[in-house]
Amino acid sequence: QVQLVESGGGLVQSGGSLRLSCLASGTIFSINFMGWHRQAPGKQRELVAGISGGSITNYADSVKGRFTISRDNAKNTVYLQMNSLKPEDTAVYYCTVLHLGRNYWGQGTQVTVSS
């Protein structure tokens, strides 16, 4: 079993920055994909950014150039640096990891961007 705990969410003004962290713990052998999804009220959950075991990254078009995903394999942690935040970035952000063929999800952290 793998447990994920996110942190770093909060309230920020438009144009501001936040850094999300997600720590994976438990019986961990090898984490492949790590990513961040988000879900805004009334909308479907969407992939915001992902990073492979080889540190290849991908981003949703809406966040390219503003968000940066990174990982620290020694700490089993994935980060999401969010800059130039916009009100439309307001959502619950979920961390996800792929471990031994199974997807695990965190409990989510709220990000609210005020205009």
Protein backbone atom coordinates (compact mmCIF):
# COMPACT_ATOMS: atom_id res chain seq x y z
CA GLN A 1 0.00 0.00 0.00
CA VAL A 2 1.06 3.55 -0.77
CA GLN A 3 -0.25 6.60 1.04
CA LEU A 4 -0.08 10.09 -0.44
CA VAL A 5 -0.23 13.30 1.53
CA GLU A 6 -0.47 16.64 -0.25
CA SER A 7 0.39 20.01 1.21
CA GLY A 8 0.90 23.58 0.12
CA GLY A 9 -2.56 24.60 -1.01
CA GLY A 10 -4.23 27.79 0.11
CA LEU A 11 -5.61 31.16 -0.89
CA VAL A 12 -3.58 33.41 -3.16
CA GLN A 13 -4.25 36.50 -5.23
CA SER A 14 -4.27 36.42 -9.00
CA GLY A 15 -0.68 36.53 -10.28
CA GLY A 16 0.67 34.89 -7.16
CA SER A 17 2.48 31.61 -6.65
CA LEU A 18 2.05 28.42 -4.67
CA ARG A 19 4.09 25.25 -4.38
CA LEU A 20 2.32 21.96 -3.81
CA SER A 21 4.10 18.93 -2.38
CA CYS A 22 3.05 15.29 -2.27
CA LEU A 23 4.84 12.75 -0.12
CA ALA A 24 4.42 9.06 -0.86
CA SER A 25 4.90 6.64 2.02
CA GLY A 26 4.35 2.98 2.73
CA THR A 27 5.85 -0.09 1.10
CA ILE A 28 7.44 1.50 -1.95
CA PHE A 29 9.57 -0.34 -4.47
CA SER A 30 9.53 1.79 -7.58
CA ILE A 31 7.31 4.72 -8.43
CA ASN A 32 6.92 5.29 -12.14
CA PHE A 33 4.53 8.07 -13.12
CA MET A 34 3.75 10.90 -10.71
CA GLY A 35 1.25 13.59 -11.47
CA TRP A 36 -1.13 16.29 -10.40
CA HIS A 37 -4.78 16.44 -11.34
CA ARG A 38 -7.33 19.06 -10.41
CA GLN A 39 -11.08 19.29 -10.17
CA ALA A 40 -13.01 22.53 -10.12
CA PRO A 41 -16.65 22.69 -8.98
CA GLY A 42 -18.96 21.31 -11.64
CA LYS A 43 -16.08 20.20 -13.85
CA GLN A 44 -14.39 16.91 -14.59
CA ARG A 45 -11.07 16.04 -13.03
CA GLU A 46 -8.22 16.87 -15.41
CA LEU A 47 -4.53 16.07 -15.58
CA VAL A 48 -2.53 19.23 -14.93
CA ALA A 49 1.02 17.89 -15.10
CA GLY A 50 2.85 14.59 -15.06
CA ILE A 51 6.40 13.36 -14.74
CA SER A 52 7.71 9.93 -15.68
CA GLY A 53 10.30 7.85 -13.91
CA GLY A 54 12.82 9.25 -16.39
CA SER A 55 11.71 12.81 -15.54
CA ILE A 56 9.93 13.41 -18.82
CA THR A 57 7.24 15.97 -18.15
CA ASN A 58 3.93 16.85 -19.74
CA TYR A 59 1.49 19.66 -19.04
CA ALA A 60 -2.04 20.67 -19.82
CA ASP A 61 -2.09 23.48 -22.37
CA SER A 62 -3.77 25.75 -19.84
CA VAL A 63 -0.78 25.67 -17.48
CA LYS A 64 2.19 25.46 -19.85
CA GLY A 65 4.76 28.11 -19.07
CA ARG A 66 3.25 28.77 -15.64
CA PHE A 67 3.45 25.45 -13.77
CA THR A 68 6.49 23.23 -13.26
CA ILE A 69 6.38 19.66 -12.00
CA SER A 70 9.42 18.03 -10.42
CA ARG A 71 10.22 15.02 -8.29
CA ASP A 72 12.72 13.95 -5.67
CA ASN A 73 13.02 10.17 -5.91
CA ALA A 74 15.09 9.92 -2.74
CA LYS A 75 12.22 11.51 -0.81
CA ASN A 76 9.39 9.90 -2.82
CA THR A 77 8.02 13.38 -3.29
CA VAL A 78 6.53 15.22 -6.25
CA TYR A 79 6.16 18.98 -6.42
CA LEU A 80 4.09 21.41 -8.44
CA GLN A 81 5.35 24.96 -8.63
CA MET A 82 2.50 27.19 -9.74
CA ASN A 83 3.27 30.72 -10.88
CA SER A 84 1.14 33.46 -12.42
CA LEU A 85 -1.94 31.89 -10.92
CA LYS A 86 -5.32 32.78 -12.34
CA PRO A 87 -8.83 32.54 -10.85
CA GLU A 88 -9.55 29.69 -13.27
CA ASP A 89 -6.82 27.66 -11.55
CA THR A 90 -9.07 27.43 -8.49
CA ALA A 91 -9.70 23.76 -7.79
CA VAL A 92 -8.91 20.84 -5.55
CA TYR A 93 -5.53 19.49 -6.59
CA TYR A 94 -4.87 15.77 -6.31
CA CYS A 95 -1.56 13.97 -6.38
CA THR A 96 -1.38 10.61 -8.11
CA VAL A 97 1.35 8.01 -8.47
CA LEU A 98 1.68 4.79 -10.42
CA HIS A 99 3.30 2.08 -8.33
CA LEU A 100 3.60 -1.54 -9.44
CA GLY A 101 0.81 -1.07 -11.95
CA ARG A 102 -1.66 0.52 -9.56
CA ASN A 103 -2.74 4.16 -9.33
CA TYR A 104 -2.88 5.81 -5.95
CA TRP A 105 -4.53 9.15 -5.14
CA GLY A 106 -4.05 11.70 -2.41
CA GLN A 107 -6.90 13.29 -0.50
CA GLY A 108 -6.57 16.59 -2.33
CA THR A 109 -5.58 20.10 -1.38
CA GLN A 110 -7.63 23.21 -2.11
CA VAL A 111 -6.15 26.00 -4.20
CA THR A 112 -8.15 29.20 -4.40
CA VAL A 113 -7.07 32.13 -6.54
CA SER A 114 -8.86 35.41 -5.93
CA SER A 115 -9.21 38.05 -8.61
